[in-house]
Amino acid sequence: MMSGAGDKVFVHPAEIDSLVRKGRTLFHACASVGVAGLLRNAETVWFGFPRNDRSGFLQALQNLCERIGCGKTKERIPPGFPEKPKDDEIDIVGWRAYRGRRSGNLIVLCQAATGLNWTDKSILTQIDVFKEWFDVKPYAKATGAIAIPFPAYHEICECPEDGFDVAMHNGIDRAQSRLGVLIDRLRIVEAVQGINGEEAQSANIDGIEKLPELKQWVSDAIAAIKNAA
């Protein structure tokens, strides 16, 4: 639906507008599952604004530190920082921590991008900026990622001379150089299959509780697409 709406393939797009808007919000849950799948046995936090628990920015950061098990957030917003940061462009935070929690940890900061301008949503420049919100930074190496509801090859043009596989490889490689690890629609589906039903793992993934709502949304979307195509 997101791909079709972006490509303007629907004859009656107004009939699916509300579903598209709802889908953009629900996609945060998809991105959270995608990050969990990327890291394997990871924990994730839905950090994007508005958050499920309605927490403010600094409180959400402190909650994150408590979940990770280390780190301390600044007690107030420093002068010169954004006065209303909301989420500071971070939608999902995922990490895989080990028992010592002192080294060898990896944090993924992910942007969930659902619009056609997703190639302008690089989170890589935010990694160092995000660290400045902490008085004591978590013991972790941070990397960036972007989750999209499209296939990674959606906007790549075919190349009869060299073959589509070559064009896709080059296009995705360039995208990841600018945007971080690319978690596309197909990878998210694979991640859902990998964690669905594993209670010990899924309990630590924010947004996993949205899967029944997502299932209903998919049914509604299919019906709407048939009427709008």
Protein backbone atom coordinates (compact mmCIF):
# COMPACT_ATOMS: atom_id res chain seq x y z
CA MET A 1 0.00 0.00 0.00
CA MET A 2 2.79 2.44 0.88
CA SER A 3 4.56 1.68 -2.40
CA GLY A 4 1.35 2.04 -4.40
CA ALA A 5 0.34 5.29 -2.69
CA GLY A 6 3.79 6.73 -3.36
CA ASP A 7 3.62 5.73 -7.02
CA LYS A 8 0.05 7.10 -7.29
CA VAL A 9 -1.35 3.90 -8.76
CA PHE A 10 -4.74 4.12 -7.03
CA VAL A 11 -7.67 5.51 -8.99
CA HIS A 12 -9.46 6.55 -5.79
CA PRO A 13 -6.64 7.40 -3.36
CA ALA A 14 -8.93 9.22 -0.90
CA GLU A 15 -10.44 5.88 0.11
CA ILE A 16 -7.11 4.66 1.47
CA ASP A 17 -5.71 7.91 2.91
CA SER A 18 -6.77 7.10 6.46
CA LEU A 19 -5.27 3.62 6.20
CA VAL A 20 -2.00 5.07 4.93
CA ARG A 21 -1.86 7.48 7.89
CA LYS A 22 -2.54 4.66 10.35
CA GLY A 23 0.02 2.51 8.59
CA ARG A 24 2.71 5.15 9.04
CA THR A 25 2.20 5.02 12.81
CA LEU A 26 2.03 1.23 12.96
CA PHE A 27 5.20 1.01 10.92
CA HIS A 28 7.17 1.97 14.03
CA ALA A 29 6.24 -1.47 15.36
CA CYS A 30 7.44 -3.03 12.10
CA ALA A 31 10.73 -1.13 12.38
CA SER A 32 11.15 -2.31 15.98
CA VAL A 33 10.67 -5.92 14.94
CA GLY A 34 13.07 -5.36 12.05
CA VAL A 35 15.82 -4.07 14.35
CA ALA A 36 15.26 -7.02 16.69
CA GLY A 37 15.64 -9.35 13.74
CA LEU A 38 18.78 -7.56 12.61
CA LEU A 39 20.51 -8.03 15.97
CA ARG A 40 19.06 -11.44 16.88
CA ASN A 41 17.81 -11.85 20.45
CA ALA A 42 17.87 -8.08 20.85
CA GLU A 43 15.84 -5.71 22.95
CA THR A 44 14.17 -2.72 21.32
CA VAL A 45 12.52 0.50 22.47
CA TRP A 46 9.91 2.44 20.52
CA PHE A 47 11.54 5.85 21.00
CA GLY A 48 9.82 7.80 18.22
CA PHE A 49 7.35 10.52 19.15
CA PRO A 50 4.59 10.09 20.21
CA ARG A 51 5.73 7.20 22.38
CA ASN A 52 3.37 4.50 23.58
CA ASP A 53 3.93 5.46 27.22
CA ARG A 54 3.57 9.21 26.44
CA SER A 55 6.85 9.96 28.21
CA GLY A 56 8.77 13.18 27.64
CA PHE A 57 12.14 13.15 25.90
CA LEU A 58 14.49 13.17 28.91
CA GLN A 59 12.31 10.69 30.77
CA ALA A 60 12.31 8.41 27.74
CA LEU A 61 16.10 8.62 27.63
CA GLN A 62 16.38 7.72 31.31
CA ASN A 63 13.97 4.82 30.79
CA LEU A 64 16.23 3.69 27.96
CA CYS A 65 19.29 3.77 30.22
CA GLU A 66 17.47 1.70 32.81
CA ARG A 67 16.49 -0.85 30.17
CA ILE A 68 20.04 -1.06 28.84
CA GLY A 69 21.43 -1.25 32.37
CA CYS A 70 23.93 1.62 32.18
CA GLY A 71 24.21 5.29 31.29
CA LYS A 72 22.81 8.48 32.77
CA THR A 73 20.76 11.14 31.03
CA LYS A 74 21.25 14.88 31.51
CA GLU A 75 18.89 16.20 34.17
CA ARG A 76 17.78 19.16 32.04
CA ILE A 77 18.04 20.28 28.44
CA PRO A 78 21.35 22.18 28.07
CA PRO A 79 21.36 25.72 26.62
CA GLY A 80 21.61 25.65 22.85
CA PHE A 81 20.04 22.20 22.56
CA PRO A 82 16.59 21.81 20.95
CA GLU A 83 13.97 22.94 23.46
CA LYS A 84 11.40 20.40 22.23
CA PRO A 85 13.40 17.53 20.77
CA LYS A 86 10.51 15.00 20.77
CA ASP A 87 12.72 12.10 19.62
CA ASP A 88 15.73 13.87 18.03
CA GLU A 89 15.01 11.86 14.84
CA ILE A 90 15.48 8.50 16.58
CA ASP A 91 12.47 6.21 16.10
CA ILE A 92 13.75 2.85 17.34
CA VAL A 93 16.63 1.96 19.65
CA GLY A 94 17.78 -1.65 19.67
CA TRP A 95 20.66 -3.31 21.48
CA ARG A 96 22.17 -6.64 22.23
CA ALA A 97 23.84 -6.56 25.62
CA TYR A 98 25.87 -9.22 27.34
CA ARG A 99 25.91 -10.07 31.02
CA GLY A 100 28.80 -7.82 31.96
CA ARG A 101 27.17 -4.82 30.17
CA ARG A 102 30.58 -3.16 30.20
CA SER A 103 31.90 -3.86 26.70
CA GLY A 104 31.05 -5.64 23.49
CA ASN A 105 27.57 -4.14 23.35
CA LEU A 106 26.00 -2.84 20.14
CA ILE A 107 23.24 -0.23 19.86
CA VAL A 108 21.28 0.38 16.66
CA LEU A 109 19.61 3.77 16.20
CA CYS A 110 16.92 3.43 13.56
CA GLN A 111 14.82 5.86 11.55
CA ALA A 112 11.44 4.57 10.35
CA ALA A 113 10.82 6.27 6.99
CA THR A 114 7.52 5.73 5.19
CA GLY A 115 7.50 8.55 2.64
CA LEU A 116 9.02 8.96 -0.80
CA ASN A 117 11.73 11.16 0.72
CA TRP A 118 13.16 8.23 2.71
CA THR A 119 16.52 8.64 0.95
CA ASP A 120 16.83 12.03 2.71
CA LYS A 121 16.31 10.52 6.17
CA SER A 122 19.86 9.57 7.03
CA ILE A 123 20.37 8.93 10.71
CA LEU A 124 24.16 8.58 10.49
CA THR A 125 24.74 12.25 11.32
CA GLN A 126 22.57 11.88 14.44
CA ILE A 127 24.65 9.24 16.17
CA ASP A 128 27.23 11.58 17.69
CA VAL A 129 24.57 14.22 18.35
CA PHE A 130 22.42 11.70 20.22
CA LYS A 131 25.30 10.85 22.55
CA GLU A 132 25.38 14.44 23.79
CA TRP A 133 22.13 13.90 25.70
CA PHE A 134 23.95 11.70 28.23
CA ASP A 135 26.14 12.69 31.17
CA VAL A 136 27.28 9.07 31.29
CA LYS A 137 27.07 7.34 27.91
CA PRO A 138 25.99 3.68 27.76
CA TYR A 139 28.78 1.20 27.13
CA ALA A 140 28.02 0.52 23.50
CA LYS A 141 29.07 1.07 19.93
CA ALA A 142 26.26 2.78 18.03
CA THR A 143 25.40 2.18 14.40
CA GLY A 144 22.63 3.63 12.23
CA ALA A 145 19.81 1.93 10.36
CA ILE A 146 16.74 2.87 8.35
CA ALA A 147 13.53 0.85 8.10
CA ILE A 148 11.29 1.29 5.05
CA PRO A 149 7.96 -0.28 4.02
CA PHE A 150 9.18 -0.74 0.45
CA PRO A 151 11.42 -3.40 -1.09
CA ALA A 152 15.02 -2.17 -1.17
CA TYR A 153 14.98 -2.38 -4.97
CA HIS A 154 11.73 -0.42 -5.39
CA GLU A 155 13.24 2.69 -6.99
CA ILE A 156 16.18 1.07 -8.78
CA CYS A 157 15.95 1.19 -12.57
CA GLU A 158 16.58 -1.92 -14.61
CA CYS A 159 19.88 -2.08 -16.45
CA PRO A 160 19.63 -4.35 -19.53
CA GLU A 161 23.35 -4.01 -20.29
CA ASP A 162 24.64 -5.29 -16.94
CA GLY A 163 21.56 -6.98 -15.48
CA PHE A 164 19.21 -5.95 -12.68
CA ASP A 165 21.17 -7.80 -9.98
CA VAL A 166 24.20 -5.60 -10.64
CA ALA A 167 22.08 -2.44 -10.53
CA MET A 168 20.38 -3.57 -7.32
CA HIS A 169 23.68 -4.38 -5.62
CA ASN A 170 25.15 -0.99 -6.52
CA GLY A 171 21.99 0.90 -5.57
CA ILE A 172 21.63 -0.76 -2.18
CA ASP A 173 25.33 -0.38 -1.45
CA ARG A 174 25.12 3.36 -2.13
CA ALA A 175 21.96 3.69 -0.04
CA GLN A 176 23.54 1.97 2.96
CA SER A 177 26.63 4.14 2.69
CA ARG A 178 24.42 7.20 3.12
CA LEU A 179 21.62 5.86 5.34
CA GLY A 180 22.98 3.01 7.45
CA VAL A 181 21.81 -0.58 7.50
CA LEU A 182 18.79 -0.92 5.22
CA ILE A 183 15.89 -2.83 6.80
CA ASP A 184 13.35 -3.11 4.01
CA ARG A 185 9.88 -4.63 3.86
CA LEU A 186 11.10 -8.11 2.98
CA ARG A 187 13.65 -8.16 5.79
CA ILE A 188 10.96 -7.09 8.27
CA VAL A 189 8.75 -10.00 7.19
CA GLU A 190 11.66 -12.38 7.74
CA ALA A 191 12.26 -10.86 11.19
CA VAL A 192 8.61 -11.37 12.18
CA GLN A 193 8.84 -15.00 11.17
CA GLY A 194 12.01 -15.37 13.22
CA ILE A 195 10.64 -14.02 16.50
CA ASN A 196 6.89 -14.67 16.36
CA GLY A 197 5.98 -17.12 19.08
CA GLU A 198 9.29 -16.92 20.94
CA GLU A 199 7.95 -15.44 24.18
CA ALA A 200 11.31 -15.05 25.91
CA GLN A 201 12.57 -12.89 23.09
CA SER A 202 9.43 -11.07 22.02
CA ALA A 203 8.77 -9.83 25.59
CA ASN A 204 11.70 -7.40 25.17
CA ILE A 205 10.61 -5.99 21.79
CA ASP A 206 8.55 -2.81 21.91
CA GLY A 207 5.72 -2.88 19.41
CA ILE A 208 5.44 -6.67 19.23
CA GLU A 209 2.07 -6.30 20.94
CA LYS A 210 0.90 -4.44 17.82
CA LEU A 211 1.08 -7.56 15.62
CA PRO A 212 -2.67 -8.37 15.95
CA GLU A 213 -3.49 -4.75 15.06
CA LEU A 214 -1.09 -4.95 12.12
CA LYS A 215 -2.75 -8.16 10.95
CA GLN A 216 -6.13 -6.42 10.94
CA TRP A 217 -4.61 -3.42 9.16
CA VAL A 218 -3.28 -5.70 6.42
CA SER A 219 -6.75 -7.19 5.91
CA ASP A 220 -8.31 -3.73 5.75
CA ALA A 221 -5.57 -2.54 3.39
CA ILE A 222 -6.10 -5.43 0.97
CA ALA A 223 -9.82 -4.71 0.84
CA ALA A 224 -9.22 -0.99 0.32
CA ILE A 225 -6.67 -1.60 -2.44
CA LYS A 226 -9.14 -3.78 -4.35
CA ASN A 227 -11.69 -0.97 -4.21
CA ALA A 228 -9.24 1.82 -5.03
CA ALA A 229 -7.22 0.18 -7.81
